[in-house]
C-alpha atoms as a PDB file:
ATOM      1  CA  UNK A   1      12.983 -27.612  -2.418  1.00  0.00           C
ATOM      2  CA  UNK A   2      11.070 -28.974  -5.385  1.00  0.00           C
ATOM      3  CA  UNK A   3      12.862 -31.619  -7.563  1.00  0.00           C
ATOM      4  CA  UNK A   4      12.618 -29.569 -10.881  1.00  0.00           C
ATOM      5  CA  UNK A   5      15.319 -27.674 -12.949  1.00  0.00           C
ATOM      6  CA  UNK A   6      13.028 -24.704 -13.469  1.00  0.00           C
ATOM      7  CA  UNK A   7      12.751 -21.725 -11.315  1.00  0.00           C
ATOM      8  CA  UNK A   8       9.127 -21.916 -11.423  1.00  0.00           C
ATOM      9  CA  UNK A   9       8.338 -25.707 -11.053  1.00  0.00           C
ATOM     10  CA  UNK A  10       6.131 -27.175 -13.819  1.00  0.00           C
ATOM     11  CA  UNK A  11       2.551 -26.731 -12.913  1.00  0.00           C
ATOM     12  CA  UNK A  12       3.260 -24.355 -10.050  1.00  0.00           C
ATOM     13  CA  UNK A  13       0.413 -21.697  -9.727  1.00  0.00           C
ATOM     14  CA  UNK A  14      -0.073 -18.839  -7.255  1.00  0.00           C
ATOM     15  CA  UNK A  15      -2.379 -19.488  -4.273  1.00  0.00           C
ATOM     16  CA  UNK A  16      -4.496 -16.493  -2.943  1.00  0.00           C
ATOM     17  CA  UNK A  17      -3.483 -16.387   0.932  1.00  0.00           C
ATOM     18  CA  UNK A  18      -5.851 -13.665   1.996  1.00  0.00           C
ATOM     19  CA  UNK A  19      -7.832 -10.757   0.445  1.00  0.00           C
ATOM     20  CA  UNK A  20      -9.607  -7.707   1.525  1.00  0.00           C
ATOM     21  CA  UNK A  21      -7.333  -4.702   1.688  1.00  0.00           C
ATOM     22  CA  UNK A  22      -7.159  -1.788  -0.516  1.00  0.00           C
ATOM     23  CA  UNK A  23      -3.696  -1.572  -1.837  1.00  0.00           C
ATOM     24  CA  UNK A  24      -1.320  -4.196  -0.587  1.00  0.00           C
ATOM     25  CA  UNK A  25       2.474  -3.491  -0.513  1.00  0.00           C
ATOM     26  CA  UNK A  26       5.889  -3.841   1.287  1.00  0.00           C
ATOM     27  CA  UNK A  27       5.777  -7.511   2.217  1.00  0.00           C
ATOM     28  CA  UNK A  28       8.420  -8.782   4.630  1.00  0.00           C
ATOM     29  CA  UNK A  29       9.058 -12.132   6.032  1.00  0.00           C
ATOM     30  CA  UNK A  30       9.630 -12.708   9.801  1.00  0.00           C
ATOM     31  CA  UNK A  31      11.582 -15.751  10.261  1.00  0.00           C
ATOM     32  CA  UNK A  32      11.165 -16.042  13.921  1.00  0.00           C
ATOM     33  CA  UNK A  33       7.262 -16.071  13.511  1.00  0.00           C
ATOM     34  CA  UNK A  34       6.786 -17.861  10.404  1.00  0.00           C
ATOM     35  CA  UNK A  35       4.648 -14.813   9.316  1.00  0.00           C
ATOM     36  CA  UNK A  36       4.451 -12.100   6.851  1.00  0.00           C
ATOM     37  CA  UNK A  37       3.825  -8.410   7.470  1.00  0.00           C
ATOM     38  CA  UNK A  38       2.539  -6.257   4.652  1.00  0.00           C
ATOM     39  CA  UNK A  39       1.326  -2.645   4.225  1.00  0.00           C
ATOM     40  CA  UNK A  40      -2.165  -1.432   3.260  1.00  0.00           C
ATOM     41  CA  UNK A  41      -1.003   1.895   2.110  1.00  0.00           C
ATOM     42  CA  UNK A  42      -4.199   3.275   1.197  1.00  0.00           C
ATOM     43  CA  UNK A  43      -6.185   1.525   4.283  1.00  0.00           C
ATOM     44  CA  UNK A  44      -3.423   3.104   6.389  1.00  0.00           C
ATOM     45  CA  UNK A  45      -2.817  -0.297   8.195  1.00  0.00           C
ATOM     46  CA  UNK A  46      -0.182  -2.920   8.565  1.00  0.00           C
ATOM     47  CA  UNK A  47      -1.455  -6.521   8.392  1.00  0.00           C
ATOM     48  CA  UNK A  48       0.122  -9.721   9.609  1.00  0.00           C
ATOM     49  CA  UNK A  49      -0.492 -13.250   7.973  1.00  0.00           C
ATOM     50  CA  UNK A  50       0.543 -16.556   8.917  1.00  0.00           C
ATOM     51  CA  UNK A  51      -0.549 -20.202   7.824  1.00  0.00           C
ATOM     52  CA  UNK A  52      -1.761 -20.991  11.468  1.00  0.00           C
ATOM     53  CA  UNK A  53      -3.502 -17.800  12.366  1.00  0.00           C
ATOM     54  CA  UNK A  54      -4.615 -16.317   9.097  1.00  0.00           C
ATOM     55  CA  UNK A  55      -4.882 -12.606   8.686  1.00  0.00           C
ATOM     56  CA  UNK A  56      -5.186 -10.067  11.348  1.00  0.00           C
ATOM     57  CA  UNK A  57      -4.364  -6.543  11.823  1.00  0.00           C
ATOM     58  CA  UNK A  58      -0.732  -5.606  13.319  1.00  0.00           C
ATOM     59  CA  UNK A  59      -1.029  -1.617  13.153  1.00  0.00           C
ATOM     60  CA  UNK A  60      -4.472   0.034  13.093  1.00  0.00           C
ATOM     61  CA  UNK A  61      -2.859   3.108  12.075  1.00  0.00           C
ATOM     62  CA  UNK A  62       0.356   3.023  10.016  1.00  0.00           C
ATOM     63  CA  UNK A  63       1.139   6.497   9.020  1.00  0.00           C
ATOM     64  CA  UNK A  64       0.427   5.149   5.360  1.00  0.00           C
ATOM     65  CA  UNK A  65       3.318   2.959   5.663  1.00  0.00           C
ATOM     66  CA  UNK A  66       4.755   1.348   2.382  1.00  0.00           C
ATOM     67  CA  UNK A  67       8.068  -0.732   2.050  1.00  0.00           C
ATOM     68  CA  UNK A  68       9.300  -2.769   4.879  1.00  0.00           C
ATOM     69  CA  UNK A  69      12.581  -4.613   5.789  1.00  0.00           C
ATOM     70  CA  UNK A  70      14.435  -6.327   8.735  1.00  0.00           C
ATOM     71  CA  UNK A  71      17.570  -4.617   9.936  1.00  0.00           C
ATOM     72  CA  UNK A  72      20.525  -6.724  11.442  1.00  0.00           C
ATOM     73  CA  UNK A  73      18.784  -7.124  14.604  1.00  0.00           C
ATOM     74  CA  UNK A  74      15.445  -8.364  13.149  1.00  0.00           C
ATOM     75  CA  UNK A  75      13.782  -5.068  13.948  1.00  0.00           C
ATOM     76  CA  UNK A  76      11.078  -3.747  11.531  1.00  0.00           C
ATOM     77  CA  UNK A  77      12.426  -0.719   9.207  1.00  0.00           C
ATOM     78  CA  UNK A  78       9.563   1.036   7.531  1.00  0.00           C
ATOM     79  CA  UNK A  79       8.864   3.737   4.755  1.00  0.00           C
ATOM     80  CA  UNK A  80       6.269   6.109   6.041  1.00  0.00           C
ATOM     81  CA  UNK A  81       4.338   8.306   3.491  1.00  0.00           C
ATOM     82  CA  UNK A  82       2.331  10.132   6.301  1.00  0.00           C
ATOM     83  CA  UNK A  83       5.274  11.262   8.441  1.00  0.00           C
ATOM     84  CA  UNK A  84       7.649  11.363   5.315  1.00  0.00           C
ATOM     85  CA  UNK A  85      10.236   9.391   7.155  1.00  0.00           C
ATOM     86  CA  UNK A  86      12.003   5.834   7.647  1.00  0.00           C
ATOM     87  CA  UNK A  87      10.858   4.385  11.048  1.00  0.00           C
ATOM     88  CA  UNK A  88      12.087   1.404  13.125  1.00  0.00           C
ATOM     89  CA  UNK A  89       9.683  -0.639  15.178  1.00  0.00           C
ATOM     90  CA  UNK A  90      11.585  -2.905  17.677  1.00  0.00           C
ATOM     91  CA  UNK A  91      10.589  -6.239  18.971  1.00  0.00           C
ATOM     92  CA  UNK A  92       8.724  -4.700  21.937  1.00  0.00           C
ATOM     93  CA  UNK A  93       6.499  -2.709  19.715  1.00  0.00           C
ATOM     94  CA  UNK A  94       8.162   0.641  20.308  1.00  0.00           C
ATOM     95  CA  UNK A  95       8.369   2.842  17.027  1.00  0.00           C
ATOM     96  CA  UNK A  96      11.011   5.470  16.545  1.00  0.00           C
ATOM     97  CA  UNK A  97      11.684   7.840  13.536  1.00  0.00           C
ATOM     98  CA  UNK A  98      15.022   7.316  12.060  1.00  0.00           C
ATOM     99  CA  UNK A  99      15.433  10.019   9.502  1.00  0.00           C
ATOM    100  CA  UNK A 100      12.877  12.294   8.056  1.00  0.00           C
ATOM    101  CA  UNK A 101      14.837  15.054   6.286  1.00  0.00           C
ATOM    102  CA  UNK A 102      17.805  15.862   4.280  1.00  0.00           C
ATOM    103  CA  UNK A 103      19.851  19.293   5.140  1.00  0.00           C
ATOM    104  CA  UNK A 104      16.587  20.218   7.147  1.00  0.00           C
ATOM    105  CA  UNK A 105      14.177  19.719   4.083  1.00  0.00           C
ATOM    106  CA  UNK A 106      11.538  16.989   4.575  1.00  0.00           C
ATOM    107  CA  UNK A 107      11.697  14.146   2.510  1.00  0.00           C
ATOM    108  CA  UNK A 108       8.983  13.574  -0.192  1.00  0.00           C
ATOM    109  CA  UNK A 109       7.415  10.153   0.794  1.00  0.00           C
ATOM    110  CA  UNK A 110       9.963   7.256   1.272  1.00  0.00           C
ATOM    111  CA  UNK A 111       8.767   4.316  -0.765  1.00  0.00           C
ATOM    112  CA  UNK A 112      10.759   1.229  -0.567  1.00  0.00           C
ATOM    113  CA  UNK A 113      13.972   0.253   1.165  1.00  0.00           C
ATOM    114  CA  UNK A 114      16.672  -2.485   1.646  1.00  0.00           C
ATOM    115  CA  UNK A 115      19.360  -3.000   4.185  1.00  0.00           C
ATOM    116  CA  UNK A 116      22.809  -3.742   3.291  1.00  0.00           C
ATOM    117  CA  UNK A 117      24.963  -6.298   5.229  1.00  0.00           C
ATOM    118  CA  UNK A 118      26.677  -3.375   7.011  1.00  0.00           C
ATOM    119  CA  UNK A 119      23.558  -2.142   8.494  1.00  0.00           C
ATOM    120  CA  UNK A 120      22.972   0.735   6.212  1.00  0.00           C
ATOM    121  CA  UNK A 121      19.386   1.600   5.161  1.00  0.00           C
ATOM    122  CA  UNK A 122      18.951   2.439   1.381  1.00  0.00           C
ATOM    123  CA  UNK A 123      15.688   3.713   0.282  1.00  0.00           C
ATOM    124  CA  UNK A 124      13.889   5.543  -2.430  1.00  0.00           C
ATOM    125  CA  UNK A 125      11.811   8.889  -2.211  1.00  0.00           C
ATOM    126  CA  UNK A 126       9.383   9.541  -4.942  1.00  0.00           C
ATOM    127  CA  UNK A 127       6.539  11.885  -4.233  1.00  0.00           C
ATOM    128  CA  UNK A 128       3.464   9.734  -4.441  1.00  0.00           C
ATOM    129  CA  UNK A 129       2.637  10.200  -0.762  1.00  0.00           C
ATOM    130  CA  UNK A 130       2.364  13.998  -1.152  1.00  0.00           C
ATOM    131  CA  UNK A 131       0.549  14.126  -4.483  1.00  0.00           C
ATOM    132  CA  UNK A 132      -2.920  13.496  -2.746  1.00  0.00           C
ATOM    133  CA  UNK A 133      -4.523  12.359   0.155  1.00  0.00           C
ATOM    134  CA  UNK A 134      -5.194   8.695  -0.463  1.00  0.00           C
ATOM    135  CA  UNK A 135      -1.592   7.555   0.295  1.00  0.00           C
ATOM    136  CA  UNK A 136      -0.514  10.371   2.662  1.00  0.00           C
ATOM    137  CA  UNK A 137      -1.101  14.120   2.930  1.00  0.00           C
ATOM    138  CA  UNK A 138      -1.020  16.450  -0.146  1.00  0.00           C
ATOM    139  CA  UNK A 139       1.884  18.906   0.132  1.00  0.00           C
ATOM    140  CA  UNK A 140       4.599  20.564  -1.897  1.00  0.00           C
ATOM    141  CA  UNK A 141       7.941  18.913  -2.186  1.00  0.00           C
ATOM    142  CA  UNK A 142      10.725  20.537  -0.362  1.00  0.00           C
ATOM    143  CA  UNK A 143      13.246  18.531  -2.403  1.00  0.00           C
ATOM    144  CA  UNK A 144      14.508  19.401  -5.829  1.00  0.00           C
ATOM    145  CA  UNK A 145      14.038  15.864  -7.269  1.00  0.00           C
ATOM    146  CA  UNK A 146      13.500  12.064  -5.976  1.00  0.00           C
ATOM    147  CA  UNK A 147      16.557  10.308  -5.140  1.00  0.00           C
ATOM    148  CA  UNK A 148      18.068   7.010  -3.848  1.00  0.00           C
ATOM    149  CA  UNK A 149      19.198   7.631  -0.336  1.00  0.00           C
ATOM    150  CA  UNK A 150      21.747   5.940   2.056  1.00  0.00           C
ATOM    151  CA  UNK A 151      21.216   6.231   5.740  1.00  0.00           C
ATOM    152  CA  UNK A 152      23.884   5.085   8.274  1.00  0.00           C
ATOM    153  CA  UNK A 153      22.128   4.436  11.648  1.00  0.00           C
ATOM    154  CA  UNK A 154      25.708   4.390  13.294  1.00  0.00           C
ATOM    155  CA  UNK A 155      26.664   7.872  12.283  1.00  0.00           C
ATOM    156  CA  UNK A 156      23.169   9.267  11.568  1.00  0.00           C
ATOM    157  CA  UNK A 157      24.477  10.351   8.128  1.00  0.00           C
ATOM    158  CA  UNK A 158      22.121  10.595   5.097  1.00  0.00           C
ATOM    159  CA  UNK A 159      23.572  10.704   1.724  1.00  0.00           C
ATOM    160  CA  UNK A 160      22.046  10.938  -1.626  1.00  0.00           C
ATOM    161  CA  UNK A 161      23.416   8.111  -3.691  1.00  0.00           C
ATOM    162  CA  UNK A 162      22.191   8.997  -7.072  1.00  0.00           C
ATOM    163  CA  UNK A 163      20.038  11.421  -9.060  1.00  0.00           C
ATOM    164  CA  UNK A 164      20.051   9.168 -12.053  1.00  0.00           C
ATOM    165  CA  UNK A 165      16.511   7.609 -11.430  1.00  0.00           C
ATOM    166  CA  UNK A 166      13.597  10.022 -12.451  1.00  0.00           C
ATOM    167  CA  UNK A 167      10.874   8.276 -10.139  1.00  0.00           C
ATOM    168  CA  UNK A 168      12.598   5.675  -7.969  1.00  0.00           C
ATOM    169  CA  UNK A 169      10.515   2.829  -6.477  1.00  0.00           C
ATOM    170  CA  UNK A 170      11.690  -0.588  -5.583  1.00  0.00           C
ATOM    171  CA  UNK A 171      15.304  -1.301  -5.110  1.00  0.00           C
ATOM    172  CA  UNK A 172      17.605  -4.433  -4.105  1.00  0.00           C
ATOM    173  CA  UNK A 173      21.155  -5.550  -4.039  1.00  0.00           C
ATOM    174  CA  UNK A 174      22.767  -8.363  -6.086  1.00  0.00           C
ATOM    175  CA  UNK A 175      23.556 -11.214  -3.823  1.00  0.00           C
ATOM    176  CA  UNK A 176      27.216 -10.013  -3.230  1.00  0.00           C
ATOM    177  CA  UNK A 177      26.021  -6.606  -2.913  1.00  0.00           C
ATOM    178  CA  UNK A 178      28.237  -5.427  -5.919  1.00  0.00           C
ATOM    179  CA  UNK A 179      25.192  -4.220  -7.742  1.00  0.00           C
ATOM    180  CA  UNK A 180      22.316  -2.097  -6.760  1.00  0.00           C
ATOM    181  CA  UNK A 181      19.038  -2.417  -8.893  1.00  0.00           C
ATOM    182  CA  UNK A 182      16.453   0.466  -8.810  1.00  0.00           C
ATOM    183  CA  UNK A 183      13.023   0.615 -10.512  1.00  0.00           C
ATOM    184  CA  UNK A 184      12.173   3.731 -12.395  1.00  0.00           C
ATOM    185  CA  UNK A 185       8.472   4.205 -13.214  1.00  0.00           C
ATOM    186  CA  UNK A 186       8.679   7.600 -14.500  1.00  0.00           C
ATOM    187  CA  UNK A 187       6.793   6.678 -17.604  1.00  0.00           C
ATOM    188  CA  UNK A 188       3.676   7.338 -15.663  1.00  0.00           C
ATOM    189  CA  UNK A 189       4.314  11.074 -15.171  1.00  0.00           C
ATOM    190  CA  UNK A 190       6.419  11.463 -18.147  1.00  0.00           C
ATOM    191  CA  UNK A 191       4.972   9.495 -21.172  1.00  0.00           C
ATOM    192  CA  UNK A 192       7.247  10.586 -23.874  1.00  0.00           C
ATOM    193  CA  UNK A 193      10.605  10.739 -21.975  1.00  0.00           C
ATOM    194  CA  UNK A 194       9.844   8.560 -18.789  1.00  0.00           C
ATOM    195  CA  UNK A 195      11.200   4.980 -18.123  1.00  0.00           C
ATOM    196  CA  UNK A 196       9.608   1.729 -17.332  1.00  0.00           C
ATOM    197  CA  UNK A 197      12.844  -0.263 -16.336  1.00  0.00           C
ATOM    198  CA  UNK A 198      15.295  -1.353 -13.671  1.00  0.00           C
ATOM    199  CA  UNK A 199      18.390   0.683 -13.607  1.00  0.00           C
ATOM    200  CA  UNK A 200      21.631  -0.914 -12.405  1.00  0.00           C
ATOM    201  CA  UNK A 201      24.482   0.686 -10.665  1.00  0.00           C
ATOM    202  CA  UNK A 202      27.866  -0.892  -9.786  1.00  0.00           C
ATOM    203  CA  UNK A 203      28.551  -0.509  -5.897  1.00  0.00           C
ATOM    204  CA  UNK A 204      32.403  -0.093  -4.863  1.00  0.00           C
ATOM    205  CA  UNK A 205      33.754  -1.026  -1.343  1.00  0.00           C
ATOM    206  CA  UNK A 206      33.231   2.407  -0.213  1.00  0.00           C
ATOM    207  CA  UNK A 207      29.595   2.436  -1.302  1.00  0.00           C
ATOM    208  CA  UNK A 208      29.968   4.718  -4.134  1.00  0.00           C
ATOM    209  CA  UNK A 209      27.765   3.949  -7.185  1.00  0.00           C
ATOM    210  CA  UNK A 210      28.870   3.811 -10.792  1.00  0.00           C
ATOM    211  CA  UNK A 211      26.988   5.476 -13.718  1.00  0.00           C
ATOM    212  CA  UNK A 212      23.330   3.930 -14.130  1.00  0.00           C
ATOM    213  CA  UNK A 213      22.563   2.014 -17.077  1.00  0.00           C
ATOM    214  CA  UNK A 214      19.400   0.069 -18.258  1.00  0.00           C
ATOM    215  CA  UNK A 215      19.197  -3.407 -16.858  1.00  0.00           C
ATOM    216  CA  UNK A 216      15.819  -4.460 -18.298  1.00  0.00           C
ATOM    217  CA  UNK A 217      12.631  -2.861 -19.614  1.00  0.00           C
ATOM    218  CA  UNK A 218       9.552  -4.018 -17.726  1.00  0.00           C
ATOM    219  CA  UNK A 219       6.083  -4.156 -19.209  1.00  0.00           C
ATOM    220  CA  UNK A 220       3.135  -4.241 -19.312  1.00  0.00           C
ATOM    221  CA  UNK A 221       2.595  -1.808 -16.763  1.00  0.00           C
ATOM    222  CA  UNK A 222       5.475  -0.435 -14.803  1.00  0.00           C
ATOM    223  CA  UNK A 223       8.089  -1.845 -12.504  1.00  0.00           C
ATOM    224  CA  UNK A 224       7.245  -1.455  -8.673  1.00  0.00           C
ATOM    225  CA  UNK A 225       8.741  -3.696  -5.965  1.00  0.00           C
ATOM    226  CA  UNK A 226      11.176  -6.655  -6.601  1.00  0.00           C
ATOM    227  CA  UNK A 227      13.422  -9.070  -4.917  1.00  0.00           C
ATOM    228  CA  UNK A 228      16.613 -11.170  -6.059  1.00  0.00           C
ATOM    229  CA  UNK A 229      17.393 -14.665  -5.529  1.00  0.00           C
ATOM    230  CA  UNK A 230      20.750 -16.383  -4.622  1.00  0.00           C
ATOM    231  CA  UNK A 231      21.657 -16.503  -8.194  1.00  0.00           C
ATOM    232  CA  UNK A 232      21.150 -13.034  -9.001  1.00  0.00           C
ATOM    233  CA  UNK A 233      17.744 -13.514 -10.731  1.00  0.00           C
ATOM    234  CA  UNK A 234      15.327 -10.710 -10.249  1.00  0.00           C
ATOM    235  CA  UNK A 235      11.656 -11.226  -9.501  1.00  0.00           C
ATOM    236  CA  UNK A 236       9.933  -7.976 -10.474  1.00  0.00           C
ATOM    237  CA  UNK A 237       6.238  -6.793 -10.138  1.00  0.00           C
ATOM    238  CA  UNK A 238       4.354  -5.651 -13.232  1.00  0.00           C
ATOM    239  CA  UNK A 239       0.895  -5.293 -14.396  1.00  0.00           C
ATOM    240  CA  UNK A 240       0.503  -9.076 -15.471  1.00  0.00           C
ATOM    241  CA  UNK A 241       2.270 -10.684 -12.545  1.00  0.00           C
ATOM    242  CA  UNK A 242       6.005 -11.331 -11.537  1.00  0.00           C
ATOM    243  CA  UNK A 243       8.604 -11.075 -14.461  1.00  0.00           C
ATOM    244  CA  UNK A 244      11.830 -13.031 -13.818  1.00  0.00           C
ATOM    245  CA  UNK A 245      14.942 -11.556 -15.432  1.00  0.00           C
ATOM    246  CA  UNK A 246      18.525 -13.191 -15.081  1.00  0.00           C
ATOM    247  CA  UNK A 247      21.594 -11.280 -14.073  1.00  0.00           C
ATOM    248  CA  UNK A 248      22.186 -10.114 -17.647  1.00  0.00           C
ATOM    249  CA  UNK A 249      18.651  -8.438 -17.897  1.00  0.00           C
ATOM    250  CA  UNK A 250      17.008 -11.408 -20.033  1.00  0.00           C
ATOM    251  CA  UNK A 251      13.461 -12.424 -19.257  1.00  0.00           C
ATOM    252  CA  UNK A 252      13.437 -16.100 -18.403  1.00  0.00           C
ATOM    253  CA  UNK A 253      10.078 -16.607 -17.068  1.00  0.00           C
ATOM    254  CA  UNK A 254       6.890 -15.084 -15.791  1.00  0.00           C
ATOM    255  CA  UNK A 255       4.410 -15.887 -13.048  1.00  0.00           C
ATOM    256  CA  UNK A 256       0.989 -14.645 -13.811  1.00  0.00           C
ATOM    257  CA  UNK A 257      -0.910 -13.041 -10.967  1.00  0.00           C
ATOM    258  CA  UNK A 258      -4.737 -12.440 -11.227  1.00  0.00           C
ATOM    259  CA  UNK A 259      -4.441  -8.690  -9.766  1.00  0.00           C
ATOM    260  CA  UNK A 260      -1.831  -6.039 -10.375  1.00  0.00           C
ATOM    261  CA  UNK A 261       1.492  -6.627  -8.327  1.00  0.00           C
ATOM    262  CA  UNK A 262       3.057  -4.204  -6.254  1.00  0.00           C
ATOM    263  CA  UNK A 263       5.824  -6.012  -4.538  1.00  0.00           C
ATOM    264  CA  UNK A 264       7.020  -9.489  -3.268  1.00  0.00           C
ATOM    265  CA  UNK A 265       9.341 -11.050  -0.887  1.00  0.00           C
ATOM    266  CA  UNK A 266      10.976 -14.344  -0.286  1.00  0.00           C
ATOM    267  CA  UNK A 267       9.989 -16.458   2.993  1.00  0.00           C
ATOM    268  CA  UNK A 268       9.406 -19.718   4.316  1.00  0.00           C
ATOM    269  CA  UNK A 269      11.983 -21.807   6.430  1.00  0.00           C
ATOM    270  CA  UNK A 270      14.434 -22.288   3.357  1.00  0.00           C
ATOM    271  CA  UNK A 271      13.402 -18.971   1.715  1.00  0.00           C
ATOM    272  CA  UNK A 272      11.991 -20.689  -1.332  1.00  0.00           C
ATOM    273  CA  UNK A 273       8.481 -19.393  -1.091  1.00  0.00           C
ATOM    274  CA  UNK A 274       7.476 -16.203  -2.832  1.00  0.00           C
ATOM    275  CA  UNK A 275       4.891 -14.094  -1.287  1.00  0.00           C
ATOM    276  CA  UNK A 276       3.264 -11.507  -3.679  1.00  0.00           C
ATOM    277  CA  UNK A 277       1.358  -8.316  -2.786  1.00  0.00           C
ATOM    278  CA  UNK A 278      -1.215  -7.717  -5.530  1.00  0.00           C
ATOM    279  CA  UNK A 279      -3.855  -4.855  -5.160  1.00  0.00           C
ATOM    280  CA  UNK A 280      -6.428  -6.272  -2.571  1.00  0.00           C
ATOM    281  CA  UNK A 281      -4.538  -9.718  -1.643  1.00  0.00           C
ATOM    282  CA  UNK A 282      -1.358 -11.618  -0.616  1.00  0.00           C
ATOM    283  CA  UNK A 283      -0.505 -14.472  -2.803  1.00  0.00           C
ATOM    284  CA  UNK A 284       2.248 -17.208  -2.762  1.00  0.00           C
ATOM    285  CA  UNK A 285       3.932 -19.806  -4.680  1.00  0.00           C
ATOM    286  CA  UNK A 286       6.640 -22.460  -4.050  1.00  0.00           C
ATOM    287  CA  UNK A 287       9.619 -21.937  -6.205  1.00  0.00           C
ATOM    288  CA  UNK A 288      12.651 -23.745  -7.028  1.00  0.00           C
ATOM    289  CA  UNK A 289      15.318 -21.106  -5.581  1.00  0.00           C
ATOM    290  CA  UNK A 290      16.036 -19.235  -2.647  1.00  0.00           C
ATOM    291  CA  UNK A 291      15.829 -15.611  -1.794  1.00  0.00           C
ATOM    292  CA  UNK A 292      19.067 -13.512  -0.909  1.00  0.00           C
ATOM    293  CA  UNK A 293      17.489 -10.595   1.152  1.00  0.00           C
ATOM    294  CA  UNK A 294      18.226 -12.323   4.693  1.00  0.00           C
ATOM    295  CA  UNK A 295      21.780 -12.667   4.385  1.00  0.00           C
ATOM    296  CA  UNK A 296      22.416  -9.599   6.455  1.00  0.00           C
ATOM    297  CA  UNK A 297      20.700 -10.730   9.624  1.00  0.00           C
ATOM    298  CA  UNK A 298      22.755 -11.814  12.490  1.00  0.00           C
END
């Protein structure tokens, strides 16, 4: 940690760690390897980067993967546009589909996900992977809408948790998991009625969600992926970089990034380094806070 009372230490700037991909997304920190995995959605690959070995291809063909997360065992859970599913890759490299349909209807194109401390997988399912052939395979939607889902690996049950997000994208829980935040970027498709905001939902002990409400407006551009630190501050992607909002929804800082940002994740040995995927590159910056996303690991 840095001896500074600001979240973004005075004088801190982002560093370009690697570049050369088409559309970087879904970064996830691998604590056991001191490395970052991230998807190149349009390049249909998964890359690994570490300070020691640099950048190399982890998966030559990724099924147009997008969001990534670690489950309680440390296995990689992934949103795949191509197979329209949530998959899991174990530490031996075996990849299995966990869920790809709801009541017999194919999912649209799972986009981003988080794993709760109880092992349940929460994910968003907008249509971006089936609108064309650059991020998946063009196809008609079999679902009535775009929803936030909860999948329980223990019972194999899949539930729609809310329909109160038009185009759900990134999502994250508050540190105590009492609030679920979901990015709604429907302004892109519905310019007059759409949203460019983070929605917030209370979460009760049975995982039921309360009524959605606006937590914050994110602009310029649209909110995409984001993460939450141990104090409940949100680090959200937008066109100009990473905007930081406190738990009341007030913007408290911004981290400029030279390319359009898609997502971010905390990493490093004390979870105080923020890795940022932005268009063609992976960036990083040392912060004076710690991420909360690995509290579910055993």
